[in-house]
Protein backbone atom coordinates (compact mmCIF):
# COMPACT_ATOMS: atom_id res chain seq x y z
CA MET A 1 0.01 -0.03 0.02
CA ARG A 2 2.85 2.38 0.85
CA ASP A 3 4.48 1.94 -2.54
CA ALA A 4 1.11 2.65 -4.21
CA VAL A 5 0.76 5.93 -2.30
CA ASP A 6 4.31 7.00 -3.19
CA GLY A 7 3.73 6.13 -6.86
CA PHE A 8 0.51 7.98 -6.97
CA ALA A 9 2.04 11.06 -5.41
CA ALA A 10 4.87 11.04 -7.93
CA HIS A 11 2.31 10.60 -10.80
CA LEU A 12 0.32 13.70 -9.59
CA ALA A 13 3.37 15.91 -9.16
CA GLN A 14 5.49 14.89 -12.15
CA VAL A 15 2.99 13.66 -14.78
CA ARG A 16 -0.16 15.56 -13.95
CA ASN A 17 1.75 18.58 -12.86
CA ARG A 18 -0.66 19.24 -9.99
CA SER A 19 0.13 21.88 -7.35
CA ALA A 20 1.70 20.93 -4.11
CA HIS A 21 -1.51 21.70 -2.32
CA THR A 22 -3.51 19.38 -4.64
CA VAL A 23 -0.97 16.58 -4.21
CA ARG A 24 -1.18 16.82 -0.46
CA ALA A 25 -4.93 16.80 -0.40
CA TYR A 26 -5.27 13.87 -2.87
CA VAL A 27 -2.59 11.79 -1.20
CA ALA A 28 -4.23 12.39 2.23
CA ASP A 29 -7.51 11.23 0.78
CA VAL A 30 -5.95 8.12 -0.69
CA VAL A 31 -4.14 7.29 2.56
CA SER A 32 -7.48 7.55 4.33
CA LEU A 33 -9.06 5.33 1.71
CA LEU A 34 -6.44 2.61 1.84
CA ASP A 35 -6.40 2.67 5.65
CA HIS A 36 -10.16 2.05 5.52
CA ALA A 37 -9.66 -0.70 2.96
CA VAL A 38 -7.06 -2.44 5.24
CA ARG A 39 -9.61 -2.44 8.06
CA MET A 40 -12.07 -4.06 5.64
CA GLY A 41 -9.62 -6.83 4.96
CA CYS A 42 -7.79 -5.52 1.81
CA THR A 43 -4.12 -6.22 1.63
CA ALA A 44 -3.23 -4.66 -1.74
CA PRO A 45 -4.76 -2.16 -4.16
CA ALA A 46 -5.96 -5.15 -6.28
CA ASP A 47 -8.37 -5.94 -3.42
CA LEU A 48 -10.24 -2.63 -3.81
CA ASP A 49 -13.81 -2.84 -5.13
CA LEU A 50 -16.75 -0.39 -5.50
CA GLY A 51 -18.19 -1.53 -2.14
CA VAL A 52 -15.05 -0.48 -0.28
CA LEU A 53 -15.00 2.89 -2.05
CA ARG A 54 -18.68 3.57 -1.27
CA SER A 55 -18.23 2.43 2.36
CA TRP A 56 -15.31 4.88 2.76
CA LEU A 57 -17.25 7.78 1.28
CA ALA A 58 -20.28 6.90 3.45
CA LYS A 59 -18.10 6.95 6.61
CA GLN A 60 -16.74 10.39 5.68
CA ARG A 61 -20.26 11.74 5.47
CA THR A 62 -21.17 10.31 8.86
CA THR A 63 -18.28 12.32 10.36
CA GLY A 64 -19.91 15.52 9.14
CA ALA A 65 -17.77 16.17 6.07
CA ALA A 66 -18.99 18.97 3.89
CA SER A 67 -20.39 18.03 0.46
CA SER A 68 -17.53 19.83 -1.21
CA SER A 69 -15.09 17.63 0.77
CA SER A 70 -16.98 14.50 -0.17
CA ALA A 71 -16.85 15.51 -3.86
CA ARG A 72 -13.09 16.09 -3.61
CA ARG A 73 -12.57 12.73 -1.96
CA ALA A 74 -14.61 10.99 -4.62
CA ALA A 75 -12.46 12.80 -7.21
CA ALA A 76 -9.23 11.60 -5.51
CA ALA A 77 -10.55 8.00 -5.40
CA ARG A 78 -11.39 8.03 -9.14
CA THR A 79 -7.99 9.59 -9.97
CA PHE A 80 -6.18 6.97 -7.88
CA SER A 81 -8.23 4.11 -9.26
CA GLY A 82 -7.57 5.18 -12.88
CA TRP A 83 -3.88 5.51 -12.14
CA ALA A 84 -3.71 2.09 -10.33
CA HIS A 85 -5.47 0.41 -13.29
CA ARG A 86 -3.10 2.04 -15.87
CA SER A 87 -0.19 0.97 -13.67
CA GLY A 88 -1.26 -2.60 -13.52
CA LEU A 89 -2.06 -2.58 -9.80
CA THR A 90 -5.71 -3.36 -10.31
CA ALA A 91 -7.44 -5.54 -12.98
CA THR A 92 -10.14 -2.84 -13.60
CA ASP A 93 -10.80 0.81 -12.89
CA VAL A 94 -12.99 0.05 -9.87
CA ALA A 95 -14.01 3.68 -9.29
CA ALA A 96 -15.25 4.36 -12.84
CA PRO A 97 -18.93 3.93 -11.74
CA LEU A 98 -18.50 6.03 -8.66
CA ALA A 99 -20.92 8.92 -8.58
CA THR A 100 -19.82 12.39 -7.49
CA PRO A 101 -21.72 13.77 -4.48
CA LYS A 102 -23.75 16.80 -5.46
CA THR A 103 -22.45 20.02 -4.04
CA ARG A 104 -24.33 23.30 -3.35
CA ARG A 105 -22.08 26.12 -4.51
CA GLU A 106 -22.13 29.00 -2.15
CA LEU A 107 -22.12 32.49 -3.59
CA PRO A 108 -18.93 34.31 -2.61
CA VAL A 109 -18.96 37.27 -0.23
CA VAL A 110 -18.36 40.37 -2.31
CA LEU A 111 -17.42 43.87 -1.01
CA ARG A 112 -18.97 46.93 -2.56
CA ALA A 113 -16.62 49.20 -4.48
CA ASP A 114 -16.62 51.78 -1.71
CA GLN A 115 -15.84 49.11 0.78
CA VAL A 116 -12.92 47.93 -1.25
CA ALA A 117 -11.66 51.53 -1.43
CA THR A 118 -11.86 51.72 2.38
CA LEU A 119 -9.89 48.51 2.68
CA VAL A 120 -7.05 49.29 0.23
CA GLU A 121 -6.66 52.80 1.63
CA ALA A 122 -6.51 51.62 5.19
CA PRO A 123 -2.69 51.15 5.63
CA GLY A 124 -1.29 54.37 6.94
CA ARG A 125 -4.66 56.19 7.22
CA ASP A 126 -4.71 55.66 11.01
CA ARG A 127 -1.55 54.00 12.37
CA SER A 128 -3.21 53.32 15.68
CA ALA A 129 -5.70 51.10 13.72
CA ALA A 130 -2.92 48.99 12.14
CA PRO A 131 -2.52 46.38 14.87
CA GLY A 132 0.00 43.58 14.60
CA HIS A 133 3.25 42.31 13.24
CA ASP A 134 3.98 39.97 10.44
CA GLY A 135 6.38 37.59 11.98
CA GLY A 136 9.37 39.91 12.30
CA SER A 137 10.48 41.86 15.36
CA PRO A 138 7.67 43.43 17.41
CA GLN A 139 8.33 46.85 16.00
CA HIS A 140 7.58 45.81 12.46
CA ARG A 141 3.81 46.18 12.61
CA SER A 142 0.91 45.28 10.42
CA PRO A 143 -2.68 44.16 11.19
CA GLY A 144 -3.19 41.58 13.85
CA ASP A 145 -1.80 42.74 17.16
CA GLY A 146 -3.33 45.94 18.56
CA PRO A 147 -2.06 49.53 18.68
CA GLY A 148 0.89 50.73 20.66
CA GLY A 149 4.00 49.86 18.67
CA PRO A 150 6.82 52.28 17.99
CA GLY A 151 5.57 55.38 16.21
CA HIS A 152 2.12 55.01 17.87
CA SER A 153 1.20 57.39 20.63
CA GLY A 154 -1.31 55.08 22.38
CA ALA A 155 -4.28 57.19 23.60
CA GLY A 156 -4.38 59.74 20.73
CA GLY A 157 -1.49 61.84 21.76
CA PRO A 158 1.22 63.29 19.39
CA SER A 159 2.88 60.51 17.52
CA ALA A 160 6.54 59.84 18.08
CA GLN A 161 8.89 59.43 15.18
CA VAL A 162 7.83 56.56 12.99
CA ASP A 163 10.29 53.73 12.66
CA PRO A 164 11.37 53.37 8.95
CA ALA A 165 10.59 49.66 9.04
CA ASP A 166 7.12 50.32 10.32
CA GLU A 167 6.60 52.77 7.52
CA ALA A 168 7.88 50.19 4.95
CA VAL A 169 5.44 47.61 6.24
CA LEU A 170 2.52 50.04 5.78
CA VAL A 171 3.75 50.85 2.20
CA ARG A 172 3.98 47.12 1.46
CA ASP A 173 0.45 46.44 2.81
CA ARG A 174 -1.06 49.17 0.65
CA ALA A 175 0.75 47.82 -2.45
CA LEU A 176 -0.34 44.27 -1.58
CA LEU A 177 -4.04 45.23 -1.14
CA GLU A 178 -4.06 47.31 -4.27
CA LEU A 179 -2.46 44.59 -6.40
CA LEU A 180 -4.74 41.85 -5.09
CA TYR A 181 -7.87 43.81 -6.05
CA ALA A 182 -6.48 45.23 -9.25
CA THR A 183 -5.53 41.94 -10.70
CA GLY A 184 -7.91 39.48 -9.04
CA ALA A 185 -4.90 37.15 -8.63
CA ARG A 186 -4.73 34.42 -6.09
CA ILE A 187 -2.81 35.18 -2.90
CA SER A 188 -0.32 32.41 -3.70
CA GLU A 189 0.24 33.96 -7.14
CA VAL A 190 0.84 37.44 -5.75
CA CYS A 191 3.17 36.23 -2.98
CA GLY A 192 5.03 34.18 -5.60
CA LEU A 193 5.74 37.31 -7.77
CA ASP A 194 9.34 38.45 -8.31
CA THR A 195 10.29 42.02 -9.04
CA THR A 196 11.05 40.89 -12.62
CA ASP A 197 7.45 39.82 -13.06
CA VAL A 198 6.25 43.42 -12.85
CA ASP A 199 6.24 45.27 -16.12
CA ARG A 200 5.84 48.84 -14.89
CA GLU A 201 5.85 50.42 -18.38
CA ARG A 202 3.05 48.15 -19.78
CA ARG A 203 1.40 48.01 -16.30
CA VAL A 204 1.04 44.22 -16.23
CA ILE A 205 2.26 41.40 -14.04
CA ARG A 206 3.33 37.89 -15.18
CA VAL A 207 1.57 35.31 -13.01
CA LEU A 208 2.35 31.70 -12.60
CA GLY A 209 -0.96 30.03 -11.80
CA LYS A 210 -2.34 26.53 -11.22
CA GLY A 211 -0.66 23.82 -13.22
CA ASN A 212 2.26 26.10 -13.91
CA ARG A 213 0.16 28.02 -16.42
CA GLU A 214 1.52 31.48 -17.03
CA ARG A 215 -0.72 34.45 -17.82
CA THR A 216 -0.30 38.25 -18.06
CA VAL A 217 -2.63 40.38 -16.03
CA PRO A 218 -3.08 44.16 -16.28
CA TYR A 219 -3.42 46.48 -13.27
CA GLY A 220 -4.58 50.08 -12.89
CA LEU A 221 -3.02 53.41 -11.87
CA PRO A 222 -3.72 53.18 -8.15
CA ALA A 223 -1.94 49.83 -8.01
CA GLN A 224 0.87 51.24 -10.12
CA ARG A 225 1.46 54.12 -7.79
CA ALA A 226 1.31 51.84 -4.73
CA VAL A 227 3.72 49.26 -6.22
CA ASP A 228 6.11 51.97 -7.44
CA ARG A 229 6.22 53.46 -3.95
CA TRP A 230 6.87 50.10 -2.42
CA LEU A 231 9.69 49.33 -4.83
CA ALA A 232 11.28 52.77 -4.36
CA ALA A 233 10.87 53.40 -0.70
CA GLY A 234 9.49 50.34 1.09
CA ARG A 235 11.20 47.23 -0.24
CA PRO A 236 14.71 48.51 0.17
CA GLU A 237 14.05 49.14 3.83
CA LEU A 238 13.04 45.46 4.49
CA ALA A 239 15.34 43.78 2.01
CA GLY A 240 18.00 41.44 3.37
CA PRO A 241 20.17 38.46 2.44
CA ASP A 242 17.15 36.18 2.02
CA SER A 243 15.12 38.56 -0.12
CA GLY A 244 16.21 37.38 -3.55
CA ARG A 245 13.96 38.78 -6.23
CA ALA A 246 10.73 38.46 -4.21
CA LEU A 247 8.35 41.30 -4.82
CA PHE A 248 6.73 41.32 -1.45
CA LEU A 249 8.83 40.86 1.72
CA GLY A 250 8.11 39.99 5.30
CA ALA A 251 9.48 41.92 8.21
CA ARG A 252 12.55 39.68 8.43
CA GLY A 253 13.31 40.22 4.67
CA GLY A 254 12.18 36.89 3.28
CA ARG A 255 9.38 36.38 0.75
CA LEU A 256 5.99 37.26 2.29
CA HIS A 257 4.15 34.07 3.07
CA PRO A 258 0.46 33.61 1.92
CA THR A 259 -0.61 32.82 5.47
CA MET A 260 0.66 36.15 6.67
CA ALA A 261 -0.82 37.99 3.71
CA ARG A 262 -4.23 36.55 4.59
CA ARG A 263 -3.77 37.85 8.14
CA ILE A 264 -2.91 41.27 6.80
CA VAL A 265 -6.03 41.43 4.64
CA ALA A 266 -8.28 40.19 7.44
CA GLY A 267 -6.66 42.56 9.96
CA TYR A 268 -7.24 45.66 7.89
CA ALA A 269 -10.83 44.63 7.11
CA ARG A 270 -11.51 44.10 10.78
CA ALA A 271 -9.86 47.43 11.76
CA ALA A 272 -11.93 49.22 9.07
CA GLY A 273 -15.19 47.74 10.36
CA LEU A 274 -15.77 45.77 7.09
CA PRO A 275 -17.27 42.29 6.71
CA PRO A 276 -14.80 39.44 7.25
CA THR A 277 -12.55 39.57 4.21
CA SER A 278 -9.86 37.36 2.75
CA PRO A 279 -7.56 37.74 -0.31
CA HIS A 280 -10.00 35.33 -2.08
CA GLY A 281 -12.76 37.78 -1.16
CA LEU A 282 -10.93 40.52 -3.03
CA ARG A 283 -10.55 38.17 -6.02
CA HIS A 284 -14.31 37.61 -5.89
CA SER A 285 -14.93 41.29 -5.61
CA ALA A 286 -12.66 42.18 -8.56
CA ALA A 287 -14.35 39.60 -10.78
CA THR A 288 -17.83 40.74 -9.82
CA HIS A 289 -17.01 44.44 -10.31
CA LEU A 290 -15.56 43.75 -13.73
CA LEU A 291 -18.70 41.92 -14.84
CA ASP A 292 -20.95 44.61 -13.32
CA GLY A 293 -18.96 47.14 -15.34
CA GLY A 294 -19.59 45.30 -18.56
CA ALA A 295 -16.50 43.10 -18.95
CA ASP A 296 -16.77 40.09 -21.14
CA LEU A 297 -16.99 36.74 -19.28
CA ARG A 298 -14.24 35.26 -21.36
CA ALA A 299 -11.97 38.16 -20.58
CA VAL A 300 -12.63 37.70 -16.84
CA GLN A 301 -11.92 34.02 -17.24
CA GLU A 302 -8.53 34.81 -18.75
CA LEU A 303 -7.75 37.42 -16.11
CA LEU A 304 -8.56 35.05 -13.25
CA GLY A 305 -6.74 32.12 -14.85
CA HIS A 306 -9.67 29.76 -14.74
CA SER A 307 -9.19 26.73 -17.02
CA SER A 308 -12.95 26.35 -17.37
CA LEU A 309 -15.59 29.02 -18.00
CA ALA A 310 -17.84 27.19 -15.55
CA SER A 311 -15.60 28.45 -12.71
CA THR A 312 -16.05 32.02 -13.85
CA GLN A 313 -19.80 31.79 -14.24
CA ILE A 314 -20.38 31.86 -10.51
CA TYR A 315 -19.68 35.68 -10.69
CA THR A 316 -22.57 36.14 -13.05
CA HIS A 317 -24.78 34.73 -10.34
CA VAL A 318 -23.45 37.30 -7.90
CA SER A 319 -24.21 40.06 -10.44
CA VAL A 320 -27.75 38.73 -11.02
CA GLU A 321 -28.28 38.72 -7.20
CA ARG A 322 -27.16 42.34 -7.06
CA LEU A 323 -29.48 43.25 -9.90
CA ARG A 324 -32.36 41.46 -8.21
CA ALA A 325 -31.67 43.27 -4.89
CA ALA A 326 -31.61 46.60 -6.67
CA TYR A 327 -34.91 45.77 -8.44
CA ARG A 328 -36.53 44.87 -5.16
CA GLN A 329 -35.40 48.08 -3.62
CA ALA A 330 -36.17 50.46 -6.45
CA HIS A 331 -39.14 49.07 -8.48
CA PRO A 332 -42.55 50.28 -7.18
CA ARG A 333 -44.14 46.89 -8.05
CA ALA A 334 -41.27 44.70 -7.09
């Protein structure tokens, strides 16, 4: 069983070119499946049958797994079964008849344009509302920790001199928020950007998305000004031996990690009194605002890096919901 798991992981990473996140998720699902199969008396992948697979999925549902998780596990089982059959480990593709559990797709939370403006302009507007640090020394502050760091006066008194690293972090946060909303890129894509991926003359970034698919995404003037300021005055202040060519840096000088970037976005949203917001929420908002403004669905698909138009169509549902809400509010016979 162990050899089968290792071979499947290598297949996903090297042949299917799946992301590290997808490989981890699928391998974890297959390990769970095979562990369940062993408890049912299986000793090798060849012993798997449709009953074992259905028993495993049923057990997952009894533990309260979401329908989306069940659907992913079914997909992992089918992928593993197909690979095992092609590799000669099983006589047939036992998961071929396996049905995919139906999922109810939730509409994403979308900020209004004015709420997005409040969020992206939050860094530096009120330093006492920028709580937190991003994993560096305590003086390098960003949302998450509460007021009172260097350069903060506490109870509204005159501010002391701002530490240059504090100022650099605020400049970085503004550039990060602006670029996330301007491009609709995933947080992993933005944190993975190098300085050489930013074409400041053409005002585009080169993004490496899922499946190592590269795309070029434009951004607007507010993002250009924020990124230019970060590159000129903020990044040099934080840069160190471990910075390399990373566009966005943490307080210690290494590449900004997506987990910390999520905390930054959530922290500023919380400080600004906005609904709970994540980088993916900014991606949802960018896509919805583009469609509301008349952008073509195919163009939004290309901008977001969706391999299927079906993934992009959820944003048309959001726009229709907004239209329906406006109709109910404004039409005298709604």
